[in-house]
């Protein structure tokens, strides 16, 4: 069976299309590699950001605890000051 011109033309067209698909696939793979690299960089930046946020959160918790302690001391001193103020007023009133 002899190939006809139409058969050869169809086979050539298929061959050319397969080559084109291969080229497009290569370009797609390159873009996919670039996307993966960008995602890796983004993942590293996100991890670094999470570490910074965690570090700052620990610092904020420490500051809140210090403030709580100061407020407790202030309340204790306020009671003492009110007591002393009351005693001074009584002493001054007794003059």
Foldseek 3Di string as FASTA:
>chain_A
DDDDPVNVVVVVVVVVVVVVVVVVVVVVVVVVVVVVVVVVVVVVVVVVVVVVVVVVVVVVVVVVVVVVVVVVVVVVVVVVVVVVVVVVVVVVVVD
